[in-house]
Amino acid sequence: VKLTTRSGLGADARLRDLQNRLGFTVALARQATERNADIRSRVDALTRFEEALEPSRLAREETFGQPHASERLRAWLREELLLLRSSI
């Protein structure tokens, strides 16, 4: 699937029930751009994209690649998510 717009990517993620994973990936990309002076100019665009995805976020917990995560990993993910949301 070739997606050239953020709105197209967000819509496709919702159709495939992947909006949480897309939001997580965008958040990681934003954090990486904040740490890299060469690409820091993209922080604002990624922040706006991340904010646009937030209303579509699903309440359920999921992991990016492990279908059955341990409770310890889930607790760590919840803590990291709270920190991530407070940085937006």
N, C-alpha and C. Protein backbone atom coordinates (compact mmCIF):
# COMPACT_ATOMS: atom_id res chain seq x y z
N VAL A 1 0.85 -1.18 0.00
CA VAL A 1 0.00 0.00 0.00
C VAL A 1 0.89 1.23 0.00
N LYS A 2 0.68 2.11 -0.94
CA LYS A 2 1.46 3.34 -1.00
C LYS A 2 0.64 4.47 -0.40
N LEU A 3 1.12 5.00 0.69
CA LEU A 3 0.43 6.09 1.37
C LEU A 3 1.35 7.30 1.37
N THR A 4 0.85 8.40 0.86
CA THR A 4 1.72 9.57 0.75
C THR A 4 1.33 10.68 1.70
N THR A 5 0.22 10.56 2.40
CA THR A 5 -0.19 11.60 3.33
C THR A 5 -0.35 11.02 4.72
N ARG A 6 -0.20 11.90 5.72
CA ARG A 6 -0.40 11.46 7.10
C ARG A 6 -1.84 11.03 7.31
N SER A 7 -2.79 11.76 6.71
CA SER A 7 -4.19 11.39 6.90
C SER A 7 -4.48 10.02 6.26
N GLY A 8 -3.86 9.75 5.12
CA GLY A 8 -4.04 8.45 4.49
C GLY A 8 -3.45 7.34 5.32
N LEU A 9 -2.30 7.60 5.92
CA LEU A 9 -1.66 6.61 6.78
C LEU A 9 -2.50 6.35 8.02
N GLY A 10 -3.02 7.42 8.62
CA GLY A 10 -3.87 7.27 9.80
C GLY A 10 -5.15 6.52 9.48
N ALA A 11 -5.77 6.83 8.34
CA ALA A 11 -7.00 6.15 7.94
C ALA A 11 -6.74 4.67 7.69
N ASP A 12 -5.64 4.36 7.03
CA ASP A 12 -5.32 2.96 6.77
C ASP A 12 -5.04 2.21 8.07
N ALA A 13 -4.37 2.87 9.01
CA ALA A 13 -4.11 2.24 10.31
C ALA A 13 -5.41 1.93 11.03
N ARG A 14 -6.37 2.85 10.98
CA ARG A 14 -7.67 2.61 11.62
C ARG A 14 -8.40 1.44 10.96
N LEU A 15 -8.36 1.38 9.64
CA LEU A 15 -9.01 0.27 8.93
C LEU A 15 -8.43 -1.08 9.33
N ARG A 16 -7.14 -1.09 9.59
CA ARG A 16 -6.45 -2.34 9.92
C ARG A 16 -6.31 -2.56 11.44
N ASP A 17 -6.93 -1.65 12.22
CA ASP A 17 -6.89 -1.74 13.68
C ASP A 17 -5.46 -1.64 14.21
N LEU A 18 -4.68 -0.76 13.61
CA LEU A 18 -3.27 -0.61 13.98
C LEU A 18 -2.95 0.80 14.49
N GLN A 19 -3.96 1.57 14.88
CA GLN A 19 -3.70 2.95 15.25
C GLN A 19 -2.82 3.09 16.49
N ASN A 20 -2.91 2.17 17.44
CA ASN A 20 -2.02 2.25 18.60
C ASN A 20 -0.57 2.05 18.20
N ARG A 21 -0.34 1.11 17.33
CA ARG A 21 1.03 0.83 16.90
C ARG A 21 1.59 1.99 16.07
N LEU A 22 0.75 2.57 15.24
CA LEU A 22 1.19 3.73 14.46
C LEU A 22 1.52 4.88 15.40
N GLY A 23 0.65 5.13 16.38
CA GLY A 23 0.90 6.20 17.34
C GLY A 23 2.19 5.99 18.10
N PHE A 24 2.45 4.76 18.51
CA PHE A 24 3.68 4.44 19.22
C PHE A 24 4.90 4.69 18.33
N THR A 25 4.80 4.28 17.08
CA THR A 25 5.91 4.47 16.14
C THR A 25 6.17 5.95 15.89
N VAL A 26 5.10 6.73 15.75
CA VAL A 26 5.25 8.17 15.54
C VAL A 26 5.87 8.82 16.78
N ALA A 27 5.45 8.37 17.97
CA ALA A 27 6.02 8.91 19.21
C ALA A 27 7.52 8.61 19.29
N LEU A 28 7.91 7.41 18.93
CA LEU A 28 9.34 7.06 18.92
C LEU A 28 10.10 7.93 17.91
N ALA A 29 9.50 8.13 16.75
CA ALA A 29 10.15 8.96 15.72
C ALA A 29 10.30 10.39 16.22
N ARG A 30 9.27 10.91 16.89
CA ARG A 30 9.36 12.27 17.43
C ARG A 30 10.48 12.37 18.45
N GLN A 31 10.57 11.41 19.33
CA GLN A 31 11.63 11.43 20.34
C GLN A 31 13.01 11.36 19.69
N ALA A 32 13.14 10.56 18.66
CA ALA A 32 14.43 10.45 17.96
C ALA A 32 14.79 11.77 17.28
N THR A 33 13.80 12.44 16.69
CA THR A 33 14.10 13.71 16.02
C THR A 33 14.47 14.79 17.03
N GLU A 34 13.90 14.72 18.22
CA GLU A 34 14.24 15.69 19.25
C GLU A 34 15.70 15.57 19.67
N ARG A 35 16.26 14.39 19.52
CA ARG A 35 17.64 14.14 19.95
C ARG A 35 18.66 14.32 18.83
N ASN A 36 18.20 14.54 17.60
CA ASN A 36 19.11 14.62 16.46
C ASN A 36 18.99 15.98 15.80
N ALA A 37 20.01 16.78 15.93
CA ALA A 37 19.99 18.15 15.41
C ALA A 37 19.77 18.20 13.90
N ASP A 38 20.24 17.19 13.17
CA ASP A 38 20.11 17.19 11.71
C ASP A 38 18.67 17.08 11.24
N ILE A 39 17.80 16.48 12.05
CA ILE A 39 16.40 16.29 11.63
C ILE A 39 15.41 16.93 12.60
N ARG A 40 15.89 17.76 13.49
CA ARG A 40 15.04 18.37 14.50
C ARG A 40 13.91 19.20 13.90
N SER A 41 14.07 19.64 12.67
CA SER A 41 13.04 20.45 12.02
C SER A 41 11.74 19.67 11.82
N ARG A 42 11.78 18.37 11.94
CA ARG A 42 10.58 17.54 11.73
C ARG A 42 9.79 17.29 13.02
N VAL A 43 10.28 17.78 14.14
CA VAL A 43 9.61 17.54 15.42
C VAL A 43 8.18 18.07 15.40
N ASP A 44 7.98 19.29 14.91
CA ASP A 44 6.64 19.87 14.92
C ASP A 44 5.66 19.04 14.10
N ALA A 45 6.08 18.59 12.93
CA ALA A 45 5.19 17.78 12.08
C ALA A 45 4.84 16.47 12.76
N LEU A 46 5.83 15.83 13.39
CA LEU A 46 5.56 14.57 14.07
C LEU A 46 4.67 14.78 15.30
N THR A 47 4.86 15.88 16.01
CA THR A 47 4.02 16.19 17.15
C THR A 47 2.57 16.39 16.71
N ARG A 48 2.37 17.12 15.62
CA ARG A 48 1.01 17.32 15.11
C ARG A 48 0.38 15.99 14.68
N PHE A 49 1.16 15.14 14.04
CA PHE A 49 0.66 13.84 13.61
C PHE A 49 0.29 12.99 14.82
N GLU A 50 1.15 13.00 15.82
CA GLU A 50 0.90 12.25 17.05
C GLU A 50 -0.40 12.74 17.72
N GLU A 51 -0.58 14.04 17.78
CA GLU A 51 -1.79 14.61 18.37
C GLU A 51 -3.04 14.26 17.54
N ALA A 52 -2.89 14.22 16.23
CA ALA A 52 -4.02 13.87 15.36
C ALA A 52 -4.43 12.40 15.54
N LEU A 53 -3.48 11.55 15.88
CA LEU A 53 -3.78 10.13 16.09
C LEU A 53 -4.41 9.85 17.45
N GLU A 54 -4.19 10.71 18.40
CA GLU A 54 -4.64 10.46 19.78
C GLU A 54 -6.14 10.17 19.90
N PRO A 55 -7.03 10.89 19.22
CA PRO A 55 -8.46 10.57 19.37
C PRO A 55 -8.83 9.16 18.88
N SER A 56 -8.02 8.58 18.03
CA SER A 56 -8.30 7.24 17.51
C SER A 56 -7.65 6.14 18.32
N ARG A 57 -6.92 6.53 19.35
CA ARG A 57 -6.20 5.53 20.14
C ARG A 57 -7.18 4.60 20.83
N LEU A 58 -6.86 3.33 20.80
CA LEU A 58 -7.70 2.33 21.44
C LEU A 58 -7.31 2.21 22.91
N ALA A 59 -8.28 1.97 23.77
CA ALA A 59 -8.03 1.88 25.20
C ALA A 59 -7.30 0.60 25.58
N ARG A 60 -7.41 -0.43 24.76
CA ARG A 60 -6.81 -1.71 25.13
C ARG A 60 -5.28 -1.63 25.08
N GLU A 61 -4.67 -2.42 25.92
CA GLU A 61 -3.22 -2.51 25.93
C GLU A 61 -2.80 -3.53 24.90
N GLU A 62 -1.73 -3.23 24.20
CA GLU A 62 -1.15 -4.20 23.28
C GLU A 62 0.34 -3.95 23.21
N THR A 63 1.06 -4.97 22.80
CA THR A 63 2.49 -4.82 22.63
C THR A 63 2.79 -4.76 21.15
N PHE A 64 3.92 -4.20 20.83
CA PHE A 64 4.25 -3.98 19.42
C PHE A 64 4.53 -5.29 18.70
N GLY A 65 5.22 -6.20 19.32
CA GLY A 65 5.57 -7.41 18.59
C GLY A 65 5.35 -8.71 19.34
N GLN A 66 4.98 -8.62 20.60
CA GLN A 66 4.81 -9.83 21.39
C GLN A 66 3.33 -10.00 21.74
N PRO A 67 2.69 -11.05 21.24
CA PRO A 67 1.26 -11.21 21.52
C PRO A 67 0.97 -11.50 22.99
N HIS A 68 1.92 -12.10 23.70
CA HIS A 68 1.69 -12.46 25.10
C HIS A 68 2.83 -11.89 25.95
N ALA A 69 2.67 -10.66 26.38
CA ALA A 69 3.71 -10.03 27.18
C ALA A 69 3.49 -10.35 28.65
N SER A 70 4.58 -10.37 29.39
CA SER A 70 4.49 -10.62 30.83
C SER A 70 3.86 -9.42 31.52
N GLU A 71 3.36 -9.65 32.72
CA GLU A 71 2.76 -8.55 33.48
C GLU A 71 3.81 -7.48 33.80
N ARG A 72 5.03 -7.91 34.04
CA ARG A 72 6.11 -6.95 34.32
C ARG A 72 6.34 -6.03 33.12
N LEU A 73 6.35 -6.61 31.92
CA LEU A 73 6.52 -5.80 30.71
C LEU A 73 5.33 -4.87 30.51
N ARG A 74 4.12 -5.36 30.74
CA ARG A 74 2.93 -4.52 30.60
C ARG A 74 2.96 -3.35 31.59
N ALA A 75 3.41 -3.59 32.82
CA ALA A 75 3.50 -2.52 33.82
C ALA A 75 4.51 -1.47 33.36
N TRP A 76 5.64 -1.92 32.84
CA TRP A 76 6.65 -0.99 32.33
C TRP A 76 6.09 -0.17 31.17
N LEU A 77 5.36 -0.83 30.27
CA LEU A 77 4.77 -0.13 29.13
C LEU A 77 3.76 0.92 29.58
N ARG A 78 2.95 0.59 30.58
CA ARG A 78 1.98 1.57 31.10
C ARG A 78 2.70 2.79 31.65
N GLU A 79 3.78 2.55 32.40
CA GLU A 79 4.56 3.65 32.97
C GLU A 79 5.18 4.52 31.87
N GLU A 80 5.75 3.88 30.87
CA GLU A 80 6.35 4.62 29.75
C GLU A 80 5.30 5.41 28.97
N LEU A 81 4.12 4.84 28.81
CA LEU A 81 3.05 5.53 28.10
C LEU A 81 2.64 6.79 28.84
N LEU A 82 2.55 6.71 30.16
CA LEU A 82 2.22 7.90 30.93
C LEU A 82 3.28 8.98 30.76
N LEU A 83 4.53 8.59 30.78
CA LEU A 83 5.61 9.55 30.57
C LEU A 83 5.57 10.15 29.18
N LEU A 84 5.27 9.32 28.19
CA LEU A 84 5.20 9.77 26.81
C LEU A 84 4.07 10.78 26.64
N ARG A 85 2.92 10.48 27.19
CA ARG A 85 1.78 11.39 27.06
C ARG A 85 2.04 12.71 27.76
N SER A 86 2.77 12.68 28.87
CA SER A 86 3.05 13.93 29.58
C SER A 86 4.06 14.81 28.84
N SER A 87 4.78 14.21 27.89
CA SER A 87 5.77 14.99 27.14
C SER A 87 5.20 15.64 25.89
N ILE A 88 3.96 15.34 25.57
CA ILE A 88 3.34 15.92 24.35
C ILE A 88 2.90 17.34 24.61
